[in-house]
Amino acid sequence: MEQAVTDVGVEPSRGWPRAAGLFGVVLATAVVRPGVLIAVPLFMLLVVGGLRSMRVVMAAALATLIVASGSRDGIWFAERAWSVLIGGGFLALTMLAPAWALSSRALAAVMGAVGVAAGILALRADAWAAIDVALADTVRALFGTTIYAMSTFGGGEGLSPALESWLLEVAEAQAAVYPALVCLGSMAALGVAWWARTRLVGEGDQGLGPLRHFRFNDHLVWLLVAGLLLLVVQWGEALVRLGSNAVVFMGALYALRGAAVFMFVSGGLSLFGLLTFIVGLVLAAPVLFGVAMLIGIGDTWLDIRSRAGERTA
């Protein structure tokens, strides 16, 4: 999710796998409609840049259709309001701070949107309660669909009670931390929108840089610390939930940063390494996630990539 290097001809066709990976993140964290999360920022970026070609016009029109689709209930408006907040923040940062890395702009846009949304909803507690219940029910419904699909593919015999109980527990846990999932999916959606924009306006396939360069402001480690503190002290259900969302959000970012450090130090994954990683992800995902998160947190103080660069210089 880092902004690409500007050297012409560097990795000319490597952008689409990165965009596909980010799109996978958008789908995996889907609470808000993925199409809307991508379409609104993309539309803003294209319109501000000027509709100078037919494919740009067609892309903007398609984005408009995606945004306008669906039944206009409360969640419909909430999804689009959130997408406008992240898209507007990202566009403003792109114009005011073009030297910032893509990941930095996306993270700042999402955190700014959280602040604005929190300020608005603080004035309308009833609106927040309605949105909270509706989106939490959306997460539960997605898991209900998953359970039904797994039962159907299993010949209609149903899942074992233990597996179904575990899936329901996971559903409740994700319903509690869906704000963090929305923020993670929004960052990924901004990356996809930026990649699509660079392709459509003819700036090549380098809208997304390599994972090994991913990083963010080191001071954000205190957001993780604050979240852990709220989980430990147990100052009421609302603060515990706030802490759990902060831990999930920052934990995911630090795990990604740890993966970036590993990719930088190792020089990338071979085919065998990739297969080994996939097997490990299936068999021991929590362990891999924990190790990656610890490496990412350690990079905050050790700056591992700079040290590795010094040794190889």
Protein backbone atom coordinates (compact mmCIF):
# COMPACT_ATOMS: atom_id res chain seq x y z
CA MET A 1 0.00 0.00 0.00
CA GLU A 2 2.97 2.25 -0.31
CA GLN A 3 3.19 4.81 -3.09
CA ALA A 4 5.15 3.45 -6.00
CA VAL A 5 8.58 4.53 -7.06
CA THR A 6 8.52 6.85 -10.01
CA ASP A 7 11.26 5.25 -12.09
CA VAL A 8 9.88 4.51 -15.53
CA GLY A 9 9.91 0.85 -16.42
CA VAL A 10 10.24 -0.47 -12.87
CA GLU A 11 8.05 -3.55 -12.41
CA PRO A 12 5.71 -2.51 -15.26
CA SER A 13 3.10 -5.24 -14.75
CA ARG A 14 3.22 -5.93 -11.04
CA GLY A 15 0.45 -3.57 -10.01
CA TRP A 16 -2.58 -5.75 -10.62
CA PRO A 17 -1.65 -8.55 -8.14
CA ARG A 18 -1.25 -5.91 -5.44
CA ALA A 19 -4.60 -4.39 -6.36
CA ALA A 20 -6.16 -7.86 -6.33
CA GLY A 21 -4.72 -8.47 -2.87
CA LEU A 22 -6.15 -5.19 -1.58
CA PHE A 23 -9.50 -5.99 -3.16
CA GLY A 24 -9.39 -9.30 -1.31
CA VAL A 25 -8.94 -7.35 1.93
CA VAL A 26 -11.96 -5.20 1.05
CA LEU A 27 -14.04 -8.34 0.52
CA ALA A 28 -12.70 -10.07 3.64
CA THR A 29 -13.63 -7.10 5.83
CA ALA A 30 -16.90 -6.42 4.01
CA VAL A 31 -19.39 -4.71 6.27
CA VAL A 32 -19.92 -1.65 4.11
CA ARG A 33 -20.56 -2.56 0.45
CA PRO A 34 -17.15 -3.01 -1.23
CA GLY A 35 -18.29 -1.42 -4.48
CA VAL A 36 -19.34 1.78 -2.74
CA LEU A 37 -16.12 2.01 -0.72
CA ILE A 38 -14.12 1.94 -3.95
CA ALA A 39 -16.48 3.79 -6.30
CA VAL A 40 -16.91 7.01 -4.29
CA PRO A 41 -13.17 7.79 -3.84
CA LEU A 42 -12.49 6.73 -7.45
CA PHE A 43 -15.21 9.05 -8.75
CA MET A 44 -13.76 11.96 -6.75
CA LEU A 45 -10.23 11.33 -8.00
CA LEU A 46 -11.36 11.05 -11.63
CA VAL A 47 -13.59 14.14 -11.62
CA VAL A 48 -10.98 16.37 -9.96
CA GLY A 49 -8.34 15.15 -12.43
CA GLY A 50 -10.61 15.95 -15.37
CA LEU A 51 -12.66 13.64 -17.60
CA ARG A 52 -10.17 13.76 -20.45
CA SER A 53 -10.78 10.43 -22.15
CA MET A 54 -13.69 8.16 -22.95
CA ARG A 55 -12.53 5.40 -20.60
CA VAL A 56 -12.30 7.88 -17.73
CA VAL A 57 -15.82 9.11 -18.50
CA MET A 58 -17.11 5.53 -18.64
CA ALA A 59 -15.39 4.65 -15.35
CA ALA A 60 -16.89 7.71 -13.67
CA ALA A 61 -20.33 6.80 -15.02
CA LEU A 62 -19.96 3.22 -13.76
CA ALA A 63 -18.91 4.50 -10.34
CA THR A 64 -22.00 6.73 -10.31
CA LEU A 65 -24.26 3.76 -11.07
CA ILE A 66 -22.67 1.72 -8.27
CA VAL A 67 -23.12 4.55 -5.77
CA ALA A 68 -26.74 5.17 -6.82
CA SER A 69 -27.75 1.49 -6.67
CA GLY A 70 -29.53 -0.16 -3.74
CA SER A 71 -32.56 0.62 -1.61
CA ARG A 72 -32.34 3.97 0.13
CA ASP A 73 -32.55 3.07 3.79
CA GLY A 74 -30.53 4.40 6.72
CA ILE A 75 -27.57 2.13 6.05
CA TRP A 76 -27.54 3.19 2.37
CA PHE A 77 -26.99 6.80 3.40
CA ALA A 78 -24.50 5.87 6.15
CA GLU A 79 -22.36 3.85 3.72
CA ARG A 80 -22.19 6.68 1.25
CA ALA A 81 -21.56 9.31 3.91
CA TRP A 82 -18.62 7.28 5.21
CA SER A 83 -17.29 6.76 1.68
CA VAL A 84 -17.51 10.51 1.02
CA LEU A 85 -15.55 11.19 4.22
CA ILE A 86 -12.69 8.83 3.39
CA GLY A 87 -12.70 9.81 -0.28
CA GLY A 88 -12.72 13.52 0.47
CA GLY A 89 -9.95 13.19 3.04
CA PHE A 90 -7.83 11.11 0.69
CA LEU A 91 -8.36 13.55 -2.18
CA ALA A 92 -7.45 16.53 0.00
CA LEU A 93 -4.26 14.84 1.21
CA THR A 94 -3.35 13.83 -2.34
CA MET A 95 -3.61 17.46 -3.42
CA LEU A 96 -2.01 19.05 -0.34
CA ALA A 97 0.64 16.42 0.44
CA PRO A 98 1.43 14.57 -2.81
CA ALA A 99 4.82 13.47 -1.46
CA TRP A 100 3.16 11.38 1.24
CA ALA A 101 3.15 7.65 0.69
CA LEU A 102 -0.13 6.13 -0.40
CA SER A 103 -0.42 4.20 2.85
CA SER A 104 0.10 7.38 4.87
CA ARG A 105 -2.59 9.25 2.94
CA ALA A 106 -5.03 6.34 3.23
CA LEU A 107 -4.41 5.93 6.96
CA ALA A 108 -4.72 9.66 7.65
CA ALA A 109 -7.91 9.85 5.57
CA VAL A 110 -9.51 6.98 7.47
CA MET A 111 -8.50 8.31 10.88
CA GLY A 112 -9.77 11.77 9.93
CA ALA A 113 -13.07 10.24 8.79
CA VAL A 114 -13.34 8.42 12.13
CA GLY A 115 -12.89 11.70 13.96
CA VAL A 116 -15.49 13.54 11.88
CA ALA A 117 -17.99 10.67 12.08
CA ALA A 118 -17.50 10.37 15.84
CA GLY A 119 -18.13 14.10 16.27
CA ILE A 120 -21.32 13.95 14.21
CA LEU A 121 -22.67 10.81 15.88
CA ALA A 122 -21.88 12.17 19.34
CA LEU A 123 -24.60 14.72 18.69
CA ARG A 124 -27.04 12.01 17.60
CA ALA A 125 -26.73 9.06 19.95
CA ASP A 126 -29.90 7.52 18.52
CA ALA A 127 -28.39 7.54 15.02
CA TRP A 128 -25.26 5.76 16.25
CA ALA A 129 -27.35 3.16 18.10
CA ALA A 130 -29.37 2.41 14.96
CA ILE A 131 -26.29 2.17 12.72
CA ASP A 132 -24.45 0.05 15.28
CA VAL A 133 -27.27 -2.47 15.54
CA ALA A 134 -27.80 -2.61 11.78
CA LEU A 135 -24.13 -3.15 10.90
CA ALA A 136 -23.62 -5.69 13.68
CA ASP A 137 -26.65 -7.58 12.34
CA THR A 138 -25.07 -7.42 8.87
CA VAL A 139 -21.97 -9.19 10.19
CA ARG A 140 -24.10 -11.86 11.87
CA ALA A 141 -26.11 -12.32 8.67
CA LEU A 142 -22.92 -12.85 6.67
CA PHE A 143 -21.86 -15.59 9.07
CA GLY A 144 -25.35 -17.09 8.90
CA THR A 145 -25.03 -17.27 5.13
CA THR A 146 -21.60 -18.88 5.51
CA ILE A 147 -22.94 -21.51 7.88
CA TYR A 148 -25.82 -22.26 5.51
CA ALA A 149 -23.48 -22.54 2.51
CA MET A 150 -21.12 -24.87 4.39
CA SER A 151 -24.08 -27.05 5.38
CA THR A 152 -25.33 -27.13 1.78
CA PHE A 153 -21.96 -28.11 0.35
CA GLY A 154 -21.71 -30.76 3.04
CA GLY A 155 -24.73 -32.57 1.60
CA GLY A 156 -27.31 -30.86 3.77
CA GLU A 157 -26.26 -32.79 6.88
CA GLY A 158 -25.43 -29.60 8.78
CA LEU A 159 -22.31 -28.64 10.64
CA SER A 160 -21.12 -30.26 13.82
CA PRO A 161 -22.42 -28.47 16.94
CA ALA A 162 -18.86 -27.58 17.97
CA LEU A 163 -18.02 -25.99 14.60
CA GLU A 164 -21.32 -24.11 14.41
CA SER A 165 -20.87 -22.84 17.96
CA TRP A 166 -17.34 -21.65 17.13
CA LEU A 167 -18.54 -19.84 14.01
CA LEU A 168 -21.28 -18.11 16.01
CA GLU A 169 -18.69 -17.00 18.59
CA VAL A 170 -16.51 -15.62 15.79
CA ALA A 171 -19.55 -13.81 14.39
CA GLU A 172 -20.23 -12.13 17.74
CA ALA A 173 -16.57 -11.16 18.08
CA GLN A 174 -16.52 -9.62 14.61
CA ALA A 175 -19.82 -7.86 15.27
CA ALA A 176 -18.12 -6.14 18.22
CA VAL A 177 -15.09 -5.02 16.19
CA TYR A 178 -16.75 -4.22 12.88
CA PRO A 179 -15.64 -0.53 13.13
CA ALA A 180 -12.01 -1.71 12.96
CA LEU A 181 -12.88 -3.97 10.01
CA VAL A 182 -14.55 -1.06 8.22
CA CYS A 183 -11.44 1.08 8.72
CA LEU A 184 -9.12 -1.66 7.44
CA GLY A 185 -11.37 -2.29 4.44
CA SER A 186 -11.53 1.45 3.77
CA MET A 187 -7.74 1.75 3.64
CA ALA A 188 -7.61 -1.15 1.19
CA ALA A 189 -10.44 0.38 -0.88
CA LEU A 190 -8.53 3.67 -1.17
CA GLY A 191 -5.54 1.70 -2.44
CA VAL A 192 -7.68 -0.02 -5.09
CA ALA A 193 -9.25 3.30 -6.11
CA TRP A 194 -5.84 4.94 -6.45
CA TRP A 195 -4.51 2.03 -8.54
CA ALA A 196 -7.58 2.18 -10.81
CA ARG A 197 -7.19 5.94 -11.16
CA THR A 198 -3.53 5.68 -12.23
CA ARG A 199 -4.42 3.05 -14.83
CA LEU A 200 -7.37 4.98 -16.21
CA VAL A 201 -5.51 8.28 -16.60
CA GLY A 202 -2.56 6.58 -18.30
CA GLU A 203 0.04 6.87 -15.55
CA GLY A 204 1.02 3.21 -15.79
CA ASP A 205 0.64 0.27 -13.47
CA GLN A 206 2.63 1.62 -10.54
CA GLY A 207 -0.08 3.14 -8.39
CA LEU A 208 0.74 0.57 -5.72
CA GLY A 209 4.29 0.01 -4.57
CA PRO A 210 5.79 -3.20 -3.15
CA LEU A 211 4.63 -4.50 0.22
CA ARG A 212 8.22 -4.44 1.51
CA HIS A 213 8.09 -0.63 1.75
CA PHE A 214 4.90 -0.48 3.82
CA ARG A 215 5.24 1.55 7.03
CA PHE A 216 3.38 4.22 8.98
CA ASN A 217 4.06 6.79 11.69
CA ASP A 218 5.88 5.18 14.61
CA HIS A 219 3.92 7.24 17.15
CA LEU A 220 0.79 5.24 16.32
CA VAL A 221 2.15 2.52 18.58
CA TRP A 222 0.60 4.52 21.42
CA LEU A 223 -2.83 3.93 19.91
CA LEU A 224 -2.16 0.21 20.27
CA VAL A 225 -0.92 0.73 23.84
CA ALA A 226 -4.02 2.76 24.70
CA GLY A 227 -6.26 0.03 23.28
CA LEU A 228 -4.51 -2.63 25.34
CA LEU A 229 -4.81 -0.44 28.43
CA LEU A 230 -8.56 -0.08 27.95
CA LEU A 231 -8.88 -3.85 27.63
CA VAL A 232 -6.93 -4.41 30.83
CA VAL A 233 -8.55 -1.83 33.11
CA GLN A 234 -12.13 -2.73 32.05
CA TRP A 235 -13.62 0.77 32.52
CA GLY A 236 -17.06 -0.10 31.23
CA GLU A 237 -18.34 -1.94 28.18
CA ALA A 238 -18.08 1.05 25.82
CA LEU A 239 -14.40 1.68 26.59
CA VAL A 240 -13.59 -2.02 26.40
CA ARG A 241 -15.13 -2.11 22.95
CA LEU A 242 -13.20 1.00 21.95
CA GLY A 243 -10.00 -0.67 23.13
CA SER A 244 -10.72 -3.91 21.30
CA ASN A 245 -11.32 -2.03 18.04
CA ALA A 246 -8.08 -0.07 18.48
CA VAL A 247 -6.16 -3.30 19.11
CA VAL A 248 -7.68 -5.09 16.09
CA PHE A 249 -7.04 -2.14 13.77
CA MET A 250 -3.48 -1.44 14.87
CA GLY A 251 -2.71 -5.14 15.29
CA ALA A 252 -3.61 -5.75 11.65
CA LEU A 253 -1.47 -2.82 10.51
CA TYR A 254 1.49 -4.01 12.58
CA ALA A 255 1.10 -7.54 11.24
CA LEU A 256 1.23 -6.11 7.71
CA ARG A 257 4.28 -4.05 8.67
CA GLY A 258 5.92 -7.19 10.04
CA ALA A 259 5.23 -8.97 6.75
CA ALA A 260 6.78 -5.99 4.94
CA VAL A 261 9.91 -6.26 7.09
CA PHE A 262 10.17 -9.98 6.35
CA MET A 263 9.76 -9.38 2.61
CA PHE A 264 12.43 -6.67 2.68
CA VAL A 265 14.98 -8.69 4.64
CA SER A 266 14.39 -11.97 2.79
CA GLY A 267 14.23 -10.37 -0.64
CA GLY A 268 10.77 -11.76 -1.35
CA LEU A 269 9.11 -15.17 -1.45
CA SER A 270 10.02 -17.94 -3.85
CA LEU A 271 7.28 -20.24 -5.14
CA PHE A 272 8.18 -22.78 -2.46
CA GLY A 273 8.16 -20.05 0.17
CA LEU A 274 4.75 -18.88 -1.00
CA LEU A 275 3.33 -22.40 -0.82
CA THR A 276 4.83 -22.85 2.66
CA PHE A 277 3.28 -19.57 3.76
CA ILE A 278 -0.15 -20.61 2.46
CA VAL A 279 0.05 -23.94 4.29
CA GLY A 280 1.17 -22.18 7.47
CA LEU A 281 -1.67 -19.68 7.10
CA VAL A 282 -4.19 -22.51 6.91
CA LEU A 283 -2.72 -24.52 9.80
CA ALA A 284 -1.47 -21.82 12.15
CA ALA A 285 -2.85 -18.43 11.11
CA PRO A 286 -2.96 -16.99 14.68
CA VAL A 287 0.71 -17.91 15.21
CA LEU A 288 1.82 -16.31 11.94
CA PHE A 289 -0.28 -13.23 12.66
CA GLY A 290 1.21 -12.90 16.15
CA VAL A 291 4.78 -13.28 14.93
CA ALA A 292 4.24 -10.75 12.13
CA MET A 293 2.67 -8.30 14.58
CA LEU A 294 5.60 -8.60 16.99
CA ILE A 295 8.07 -8.01 14.14
CA GLY A 296 6.07 -4.96 13.06
CA ILE A 297 6.00 -3.53 16.57
CA GLY A 298 9.73 -4.18 16.94
CA ASP A 299 10.35 -2.31 13.70
CA THR A 300 8.91 0.79 15.38
CA TRP A 301 12.00 1.06 17.60
CA LEU A 302 14.61 -0.95 15.71
CA ASP A 303 13.93 0.30 12.16
CA ILE A 304 15.00 -3.11 10.88
CA ARG A 305 14.90 -2.22 7.20
CA SER A 306 17.24 0.74 7.58
CA ARG A 307 19.69 -1.38 9.56
CA ALA A 308 19.52 -4.13 6.94
CA GLY A 309 20.13 -1.55 4.22
CA GLU A 310 23.19 -0.24 6.04
CA ARG A 311 24.68 -3.73 6.31
CA THR A 312 24.25 -4.37 2.59
CA ALA A 313 25.51 -0.94 1.49
